[in-house]
C-alpha atoms as a PDB file:
ATOM      1  CA  LEU A   1     109.596 110.885 112.991  1.00  0.00           C
ATOM      2  CA  GLY A   2     111.745 112.566 115.207  1.00  0.00           C
ATOM      3  CA  GLY A   3     112.723 114.852 112.480  1.00  0.00           C
ATOM      4  CA  ARG A   4     115.496 117.619 112.251  1.00  0.00           C
ATOM      5  CA  LYS A   5     115.684 120.873 113.711  1.00  0.00           C
ATOM      6  CA  SER A   6     118.230 124.038 113.315  1.00  0.00           C
ATOM      7  CA  HIS A   7     120.103 125.492 116.253  1.00  0.00           C
ATOM      8  CA  SER A   8     122.477 127.785 115.918  1.00  0.00           C
ATOM      9  CA  GLY A   9     122.906 127.128 112.268  1.00  0.00           C
ATOM     10  CA  ARG A  10     123.589 123.411 112.951  1.00  0.00           C
ATOM     11  CA  ALA A  11     121.404 120.673 111.915  1.00  0.00           C
ATOM     12  CA  THR A  12     120.315 118.573 115.261  1.00  0.00           C
ATOM     13  CA  MET A  13     119.101 114.877 114.926  1.00  0.00           C
ATOM     14  CA  LEU A  14     115.664 114.784 117.303  1.00  0.00           C
ATOM     15  CA  THR A  15     115.391 111.339 119.003  1.00  0.00           C
ATOM     16  CA  VAL A  16     112.355 111.282 120.224  1.00  0.00           C
ATOM     17  CA  GLN A  17     109.403 109.706 117.597  1.00  0.00           C
ATOM     18  CA  TYR A  18     105.739 110.291 118.400  1.00  0.00           C
ATOM     19  CA  ARG A  19     104.253 108.036 115.291  1.00  0.00           C
ATOM     20  CA  MET A  20     104.913 104.573 115.141  1.00  0.00           C
ATOM     21  CA  HIS A  21     104.234 101.969 117.302  1.00  0.00           C
ATOM     22  CA  GLU A  22     107.264 100.908 119.150  1.00  0.00           C
ATOM     23  CA  ALA A  23     107.778  97.413 117.662  1.00  0.00           C
ATOM     24  CA  ILE A  24     107.361  99.358 114.479  1.00  0.00           C
ATOM     25  CA  CYS A  25     110.316 101.381 115.433  1.00  0.00           C
ATOM     26  CA  ALA A  26     112.477  98.988 116.425  1.00  0.00           C
ATOM     27  CA  PHE A  27     114.302  98.407 113.101  1.00  0.00           C
ATOM     28  CA  PRO A  28     114.975 101.608 111.384  1.00  0.00           C
ATOM     29  CA  SER A  29     115.934 103.110 114.809  1.00  0.00           C
ATOM     30  CA  GLU A  30     118.600 100.052 114.767  1.00  0.00           C
ATOM     31  CA  HIS A  31     119.328 100.435 111.179  1.00  0.00           C
ATOM     32  CA  PHE A  32     119.131 103.602 110.210  1.00  0.00           C
ATOM     33  CA  TYR A  33     119.063 106.169 113.534  1.00  0.00           C
ATOM     34  CA  ASP A  34     121.946 103.687 115.390  1.00  0.00           C
ATOM     35  CA  ASN A  35     119.739 102.839 117.934  1.00  0.00           C
ATOM     36  CA  LYS A  36     119.258 106.918 119.059  1.00  0.00           C
ATOM     37  CA  LEU A  37     115.335 107.055 118.182  1.00  0.00           C
ATOM     38  CA  GLU A  38     113.298 106.585 120.924  1.00  0.00           C
ATOM     39  CA  THR A  39     109.674 106.111 120.652  1.00  0.00           C
ATOM     40  CA  ALA A  40     107.820 108.922 123.599  1.00  0.00           C
ATOM     41  CA  PRO A  41     105.525 107.098 126.156  1.00  0.00           C
ATOM     42  CA  GLU A  42     102.537 108.595 125.202  1.00  0.00           C
ATOM     43  CA  VAL A  43     102.486 106.236 121.885  1.00  0.00           C
ATOM     44  CA  GLY A  44     101.958 103.237 123.612  1.00  0.00           C
ATOM     45  CA  SER A  45      98.900 104.615 125.261  1.00  0.00           C
ATOM     46  CA  ARG A  46      97.096 105.842 121.945  1.00  0.00           C
ATOM     47  CA  ARG A  47      93.846 104.104 121.153  1.00  0.00           C
ATOM     48  CA  ASP A  48      94.698 101.990 118.079  1.00  0.00           C
ATOM     49  CA  PRO A  49      91.810 102.098 116.002  1.00  0.00           C
ATOM     50  CA  GLY A  50      92.248  98.394 114.710  1.00  0.00           C
ATOM     51  CA  GLY A  51      90.820  97.457 117.916  1.00  0.00           C
ATOM     52  CA  ASP A  52      91.329  93.841 118.001  1.00  0.00           C
ATOM     53  CA  PHE A  53      92.983  92.886 114.535  1.00  0.00           C
ATOM     54  CA  TRP A  54      96.313  92.300 115.362  1.00  0.00           C
ATOM     55  CA  ARG A  55      95.138  89.805 118.387  1.00  0.00           C
ATOM     56  CA  ASP A  56      92.580  88.046 115.852  1.00  0.00           C
ATOM     57  CA  CYS A  57      95.298  87.779 113.029  1.00  0.00           C
ATOM     58  CA  TRP A  58      97.997  86.320 115.627  1.00  0.00           C
ATOM     59  CA  LYS A  59      95.016  83.598 117.009  1.00  0.00           C
ATOM     60  CA  ARG A  60      94.623  82.142 113.907  1.00  0.00           C
ATOM     61  CA  LEU A  61      98.257  81.032 113.737  1.00  0.00           C
ATOM     62  CA  GLN A  62      98.266  80.381 117.557  1.00  0.00           C
ATOM     63  CA  LEU A  63     101.352  82.720 118.014  1.00  0.00           C
ATOM     64  CA  PRO A  64     101.907  83.126 121.599  1.00  0.00           C
ATOM     65  CA  VAL A  65     101.034  86.802 123.026  1.00  0.00           C
ATOM     66  CA  GLN A  66     104.674  87.477 123.957  1.00  0.00           C
ATOM     67  CA  PHE A  67     105.715  86.820 119.992  1.00  0.00           C
ATOM     68  CA  GLN A  68     102.314  89.112 118.814  1.00  0.00           C
ATOM     69  CA  ARG A  69     103.591  92.150 117.226  1.00  0.00           C
ATOM     70  CA  PRO A  70     101.971  94.816 114.940  1.00  0.00           C
ATOM     71  CA  THR A  71     104.030  94.156 112.078  1.00  0.00           C
ATOM     72  CA  CYS A  72     104.891  91.127 109.937  1.00  0.00           C
ATOM     73  CA  PHE A  73     106.762  90.083 106.436  1.00  0.00           C
ATOM     74  CA  ILE A  74     105.379  88.230 103.925  1.00  0.00           C
ATOM     75  CA  HIS A  75     106.960  85.890 101.640  1.00  0.00           C
ATOM     76  CA  VAL A  76     106.185  86.045  98.240  1.00  0.00           C
ATOM     77  CA  GLU A  77     107.833  84.405  95.526  1.00  0.00           C
ATOM     78  CA  GLY A  78     105.845  86.122  93.367  1.00  0.00           C
ATOM     79  CA  LYS A  79     107.349  86.967  89.178  1.00  0.00           C
ATOM     80  CA  GLU A  80     107.976  90.473  87.802  1.00  0.00           C
ATOM     81  CA  LYS A  81     106.448  91.968  84.963  1.00  0.00           C
ATOM     82  CA  VAL A  82     108.717  95.006  83.240  1.00  0.00           C
ATOM     83  CA  THR A  83     106.242  97.510  81.508  1.00  0.00           C
ATOM     84  CA  PRO A  84     108.250  99.370  78.700  1.00  0.00           C
ATOM     85  CA  VAL A  85     107.732 103.241  78.782  1.00  0.00           C
ATOM     86  CA  ALA A  86     105.456 103.070  76.039  1.00  0.00           C
ATOM     87  CA  GLU A  87     102.848 100.929  77.231  1.00  0.00           C
ATOM     88  CA  ARG A  88     102.219 103.207  80.048  1.00  0.00           C
ATOM     89  CA  GLY A  89     102.491 106.427  78.112  1.00  0.00           C
ATOM     90  CA  LYS A  90     103.592 108.180  80.985  1.00  0.00           C
ATOM     91  CA  GLY A  91     107.697 108.881  79.982  1.00  0.00           C
ATOM     92  CA  GLY A  92     110.450 107.753  82.504  1.00  0.00           C
ATOM     93  CA  ASP A  93     111.951 105.074  83.173  1.00  0.00           C
ATOM     94  CA  GLU A  94     110.566 101.239  82.538  1.00  0.00           C
ATOM     95  CA  SER A  95     108.516 100.298  85.633  1.00  0.00           C
ATOM     96  CA  LYS A  96     107.730  96.745  86.853  1.00  0.00           C
ATOM     97  CA  SER A  97     105.170  94.973  88.768  1.00  0.00           C
ATOM     98  CA  ASN A  98     104.436  91.880  90.986  1.00  0.00           C
ATOM     99  CA  ALA A  99     100.897  90.313  90.665  1.00  0.00           C
ATOM    100  CA  LYS A 100     101.347  87.924  93.132  1.00  0.00           C
ATOM    101  CA  GLU A 101     102.350  90.488  95.944  1.00  0.00           C
ATOM    102  CA  VAL A 102      99.224  92.497  94.076  1.00  0.00           C
ATOM    103  CA  LYS A 103      96.568  89.177  95.224  1.00  0.00           C
ATOM    104  CA  MET A 104      98.130  88.999  98.800  1.00  0.00           C
ATOM    105  CA  ILE A 105      97.132  92.780  98.885  1.00  0.00           C
ATOM    106  CA  VAL A 106      93.296  92.706  97.716  1.00  0.00           C
ATOM    107  CA  ARG A 107      93.119  89.710 100.607  1.00  0.00           C
ATOM    108  CA  VAL A 108      94.693  91.624 103.265  1.00  0.00           C
ATOM    109  CA  VAL A 109      92.473  94.319 102.495  1.00  0.00           C
ATOM    110  CA  LYS A 110      89.699  92.071 102.399  1.00  0.00           C
ATOM    111  CA  ALA A 111      90.756  90.747 105.192  1.00  0.00           C
ATOM    112  CA  MET A 112      90.482  94.540 107.044  1.00  0.00           C
ATOM    113  CA  LYS A 113      87.265  95.063 105.257  1.00  0.00           C
ATOM    114  CA  ALA A 114      85.406  91.886 107.027  1.00  0.00           C
ATOM    115  CA  ARG A 115      86.481  92.201 110.299  1.00  0.00           C
ATOM    116  CA  GLY A 116      84.996  95.927 110.000  1.00  0.00           C
ATOM    117  CA  ARG A 117      88.387  97.792 109.975  1.00  0.00           C
ATOM    118  CA  LEU A 118      88.344 100.015 106.888  1.00  0.00           C
ATOM    119  CA  LYS A 119      85.657 101.697 108.552  1.00  0.00           C
ATOM    120  CA  THR A 120      88.253 102.857 111.759  1.00  0.00           C
ATOM    121  CA  CYS A 121      91.400 102.554 110.342  1.00  0.00           C
ATOM    122  CA  GLY A 122      93.782 104.883 107.605  1.00  0.00           C
ATOM    123  CA  VAL A 123      95.289 102.017 104.957  1.00  0.00           C
ATOM    124  CA  ARG A 124      97.727 103.455 102.849  1.00  0.00           C
ATOM    125  CA  ILE A 125      99.365 100.641 100.375  1.00  0.00           C
ATOM    126  CA  ILE A 126     103.122 101.984  99.472  1.00  0.00           C
ATOM    127  CA  THR A 127     105.665 100.505  96.596  1.00  0.00           C
ATOM    128  CA  PRO A 128     108.859 101.740  94.781  1.00  0.00           C
ATOM    129  CA  TYR A 129     107.432 101.210  91.425  1.00  0.00           C
ATOM    130  CA  THR A 130     104.549 102.725  89.802  1.00  0.00           C
ATOM    131  CA  ALA A 131     103.134 100.086  87.579  1.00  0.00           C
ATOM    132  CA  GLN A 132     102.735  98.237  90.492  1.00  0.00           C
ATOM    133  CA  ARG A 133     101.167 101.430  92.470  1.00  0.00           C
ATOM    134  CA  ASP A 134      98.498 101.703  89.236  1.00  0.00           C
ATOM    135  CA  ILE A 135      97.352  97.484  89.304  1.00  0.00           C
ATOM    136  CA  ILE A 136      96.971  97.913  93.049  1.00  0.00           C
ATOM    137  CA  GLU A 137      94.326 100.657  92.598  1.00  0.00           C
ATOM    138  CA  LYS A 138      93.050  99.142  89.496  1.00  0.00           C
ATOM    139  CA  GLU A 139      92.159  95.762  91.674  1.00  0.00           C
ATOM    140  CA  LEU A 140      90.939  97.489  94.636  1.00  0.00           C
ATOM    141  CA  GLU A 141      88.745  99.843  92.771  1.00  0.00           C
ATOM    142  CA  ALA A 142      85.899  97.427  94.019  1.00  0.00           C
ATOM    143  CA  THR A 143      86.730  97.547  96.929  1.00  0.00           C
ATOM    144  CA  ARG A 144      86.374 101.279  97.047  1.00  0.00           C
ATOM    145  CA  LYS A 145      83.383 101.250  95.414  1.00  0.00           C
ATOM    146  CA  SER A 146      81.433  99.271  97.826  1.00  0.00           C
ATOM    147  CA  SER A 147      82.996  99.585 101.182  1.00  0.00           C
ATOM    148  CA  THR A 148      82.831 102.679 103.987  1.00  0.00           C
ATOM    149  CA  PHE A 149      86.531 103.453 104.787  1.00  0.00           C
ATOM    150  CA  ARG A 150      88.413 105.926 106.571  1.00  0.00           C
ATOM    151  CA  GLU A 151      91.015 106.427 104.059  1.00  0.00           C
ATOM    152  CA  LEU A 152      92.550 103.498 101.791  1.00  0.00           C
ATOM    153  CA  ARG A 153      95.222 105.301  99.453  1.00  0.00           C
ATOM    154  CA  VAL A 154      97.999 103.923  97.055  1.00  0.00           C
ATOM    155  CA  GLY A 155     101.063 105.713  96.292  1.00  0.00           C
ATOM    156  CA  SER A 156     104.590 105.013  95.380  1.00  0.00           C
ATOM    157  CA  VAL A 157     107.643 106.049  98.075  1.00  0.00           C
ATOM    158  CA  ALA A 158     108.053 109.353  96.740  1.00  0.00           C
ATOM    159  CA  GLU A 159     104.749 110.033  96.869  1.00  0.00           C
ATOM    160  CA  THR A 160     104.324 109.313 100.731  1.00  0.00           C
ATOM    161  CA  GLN A 161     107.068 111.151 102.009  1.00  0.00           C
ATOM    162  CA  GLY A 162     106.346 113.555 104.963  1.00  0.00           C
ATOM    163  CA  GLY A 163     103.098 111.305 105.388  1.00  0.00           C
ATOM    164  CA  GLU A 164     101.602 108.815 107.762  1.00  0.00           C
ATOM    165  CA  ALA A 165      98.600 106.360 107.815  1.00  0.00           C
ATOM    166  CA  ASP A 166      97.422 104.398 110.796  1.00  0.00           C
ATOM    167  CA  PHE A 167      98.125 100.910 108.628  1.00  0.00           C
ATOM    168  CA  VAL A 168     100.541 100.534 105.760  1.00  0.00           C
ATOM    169  CA  ILE A 169     101.108  97.635 103.069  1.00  0.00           C
ATOM    170  CA  LEU A 170     104.749  97.804 101.656  1.00  0.00           C
ATOM    171  CA  SER A 171     104.732  95.944  98.219  1.00  0.00           C
ATOM    172  CA  THR A 172     108.756  95.581  97.627  1.00  0.00           C
ATOM    173  CA  VAL A 173     107.952  93.751  94.058  1.00  0.00           C
ATOM    174  CA  ARG A 174     111.253  92.816  92.695  1.00  0.00           C
ATOM    175  CA  SER A 175     111.594  88.966  92.669  1.00  0.00           C
ATOM    176  CA  LEU A 176     113.671  85.884  91.226  1.00  0.00           C
ATOM    177  CA  PRO A 177     112.907  82.621  91.673  1.00  0.00           C
ATOM    178  CA  LYS A 178     115.232  80.931  94.667  1.00  0.00           C
ATOM    179  CA  SER A 179     117.656  78.920  91.954  1.00  0.00           C
ATOM    180  CA  ARG A 180     118.418  82.272  90.512  1.00  0.00           C
ATOM    181  CA  VAL A 181     119.638  83.970  93.504  1.00  0.00           C
ATOM    182  CA  LEU A 182     123.319  84.492  93.829  1.00  0.00           C
ATOM    183  CA  ASP A 183     125.252  84.022  97.549  1.00  0.00           C
ATOM    184  CA  PHE A 184     128.075  86.395  96.215  1.00  0.00           C
ATOM    185  CA  PRO A 185     126.128  89.415  93.637  1.00  0.00           C
ATOM    186  CA  SER A 186     128.283  91.692  92.064  1.00  0.00           C
ATOM    187  CA  ARG A 187     126.877  95.238  92.301  1.00  0.00           C
ATOM    188  CA  PRO A 188     125.583  95.105  88.667  1.00  0.00           C
ATOM    189  CA  TRP A 189     123.851  92.402  89.372  1.00  0.00           C
ATOM    190  CA  LEU A 190     122.538  93.859  92.378  1.00  0.00           C
ATOM    191  CA  ARG A 191     121.251  97.070  90.772  1.00  0.00           C
ATOM    192  CA  GLU A 192     119.689  95.101  88.203  1.00  0.00           C
ATOM    193  CA  ASN A 193     117.683  92.643  90.348  1.00  0.00           C
ATOM    194  CA  LEU A 194     116.985  95.212  93.496  1.00  0.00           C
ATOM    195  CA  GLY A 195     117.543  98.539  91.979  1.00  0.00           C
ATOM    196  CA  PHE A 196     115.308 101.344  94.370  1.00  0.00           C
ATOM    197  CA  VAL A 197     114.349  98.180  96.294  1.00  0.00           C
ATOM    198  CA  ALA A 198     118.215  98.289  97.884  1.00  0.00           C
ATOM    199  CA  GLU A 199     117.711 101.861  97.874  1.00  0.00           C
ATOM    200  CA  ASP A 200     118.093 102.719 102.090  1.00  0.00           C
ATOM    201  CA  ASN A 201     116.556 106.210 101.963  1.00  0.00           C
ATOM    202  CA  ARG A 202     113.822 105.038  99.943  1.00  0.00           C
ATOM    203  CA  ILE A 203     112.876 101.983 101.996  1.00  0.00           C
ATOM    204  CA  ASN A 204     113.783 104.452 105.630  1.00  0.00           C
ATOM    205  CA  VAL A 205     110.496 106.866 103.866  1.00  0.00           C
ATOM    206  CA  ALA A 206     108.368 103.278 103.473  1.00  0.00           C
ATOM    207  CA  LEU A 207     108.956 101.723 106.910  1.00  0.00           C
ATOM    208  CA  THR A 208     108.186 105.022 108.799  1.00  0.00           C
ATOM    209  CA  ARG A 209     105.330 105.758 107.639  1.00  0.00           C
ATOM    210  CA  ALA A 210     102.727 103.190 109.651  1.00  0.00           C
ATOM    211  CA  LYS A 211     101.451 104.551 113.191  1.00  0.00           C
ATOM    212  CA  PHE A 212      99.809 101.196 114.112  1.00  0.00           C
ATOM    213  CA  GLY A 213     100.322  98.213 111.775  1.00  0.00           C
ATOM    214  CA  LEU A 214     103.005  97.251 109.194  1.00  0.00           C
ATOM    215  CA  ILE A 215     102.962  94.767 106.650  1.00  0.00           C
ATOM    216  CA  ILE A 216     105.792  94.107 103.923  1.00  0.00           C
ATOM    217  CA  ILE A 217     105.416  91.743 100.931  1.00  0.00           C
ATOM    218  CA  GLY A 218     108.586  90.538  99.523  1.00  0.00           C
ATOM    219  CA  ASN A 219     110.581  87.578  98.380  1.00  0.00           C
ATOM    220  CA  GLN A 220     112.661  86.726 101.650  1.00  0.00           C
ATOM    221  CA  HIS A 221     115.428  85.257  99.392  1.00  0.00           C
ATOM    222  CA  LEU A 222     116.144  87.936  96.803  1.00  0.00           C
ATOM    223  CA  LEU A 223     115.551  90.930  99.037  1.00  0.00           C
ATOM    224  CA  SER A 224     118.260  88.891 101.419  1.00  0.00           C
ATOM    225  CA  VAL A 225     121.246  89.456  99.363  1.00  0.00           C
ATOM    226  CA  ASN A 226     121.514  93.256 100.900  1.00  0.00           C
ATOM    227  CA  GLY A 227     122.536  94.223 103.712  1.00  0.00           C
ATOM    228  CA  MET A 228     119.806  96.135 104.969  1.00  0.00           C
ATOM    229  CA  TRP A 229     117.451  93.689 104.267  1.00  0.00           C
ATOM    230  CA  ARG A 230     119.253  90.581 105.502  1.00  0.00           C
ATOM    231  CA  GLU A 231     119.221  92.136 108.649  1.00  0.00           C
ATOM    232  CA  LEU A 232     114.992  93.258 108.668  1.00  0.00           C
ATOM    233  CA  ILE A 233     114.234  89.472 107.569  1.00  0.00           C
ATOM    234  CA  ARG A 234     116.182  87.910 110.141  1.00  0.00           C
ATOM    235  CA  LYS A 235     114.790  90.147 113.180  1.00  0.00           C
ATOM    236  CA  TYR A 236     111.628  89.226 111.741  1.00  0.00           C
ATOM    237  CA  HIS A 237     112.290  85.445 111.710  1.00  0.00           C
ATOM    238  CA  GLU A 238     113.925  86.201 115.343  1.00  0.00           C
ATOM    239  CA  GLU A 239     110.707  88.040 116.575  1.00  0.00           C
ATOM    240  CA  ARG A 240     108.668  84.806 114.702  1.00  0.00           C
ATOM    241  CA  CYS A 241     106.749  87.446 112.205  1.00  0.00           C
ATOM    242  CA  LEU A 242     108.281  85.980 109.093  1.00  0.00           C
ATOM    243  CA  LEU A 243     105.447  84.444 107.574  1.00  0.00           C
ATOM    244  CA  SER A 244     105.034  81.966 104.459  1.00  0.00           C
ATOM    245  CA  SER A 245     102.461  82.716 102.207  1.00  0.00           C
ATOM    246  CA  GLU A 246     100.293  79.777 103.397  1.00  0.00           C
ATOM    247  CA  ASP A 247     100.555  81.013 107.140  1.00  0.00           C
ATOM    248  CA  ALA A 248      99.362  84.586 105.429  1.00  0.00           C
ATOM    249  CA  LEU A 249      96.587  83.380 103.911  1.00  0.00           C
ATOM    250  CA  LYS A 250      95.632  81.683 107.398  1.00  0.00           C
ATOM    251  CA  MET A 251      96.041  84.692 109.124  1.00  0.00           C
ATOM    252  CA  PHE A 252      94.377  86.801 106.732  1.00  0.00           C
ATOM    253  CA  GLY A 253      91.416  84.207 105.645  1.00  0.00           C
END
């Protein structure tokens, strides 16, 4: 990213970033950097190791070229599973997982494999919850063994800080049925039902690791009670890259 530098003992925010495609950078710049984070011109001239992967995906939904971007949000209304400390045997707080989101991740990875992109792209799957990370690792074990891939890594947000990848898939995990989402939630309700996913610093890290492609998977109804997520989902809707699960299955079929 832009990063920070010291000059005469004072920290200064650098305003030019050299990692993200400008469409991926747009929301983080707007929300986290007061619209001051610009994309270096040479970023647009880099060779995308994914080739025509995104063009092929959007073509399956018959999306006009002017709306095709290397990013999307997939709405998945899954069910959280709480994993107690005793079951995990690793100490710390309880963790959470979401099987429907795992299935969608596997679908996307298989689409990349089928289209030959695991050989050329470095793929990183990020989630705020270690229980979700562990389940994704297990589900992708067969893919790791049977495929030639440049890089296919799974990690928590904390584990990916400072890193980058060609292609990032973010699993937000937290979910509730729409009927249980409150219009005006209290702070305790938000802490209980969003947890890590409502922390700007964590999400800033997660949204700014990708160079050429970013897929966010989550429950748009629940996430929208948080101001930051509400703005991101609104932006993605306006740019026609907010997808239902059904559209995602067509896109990554």
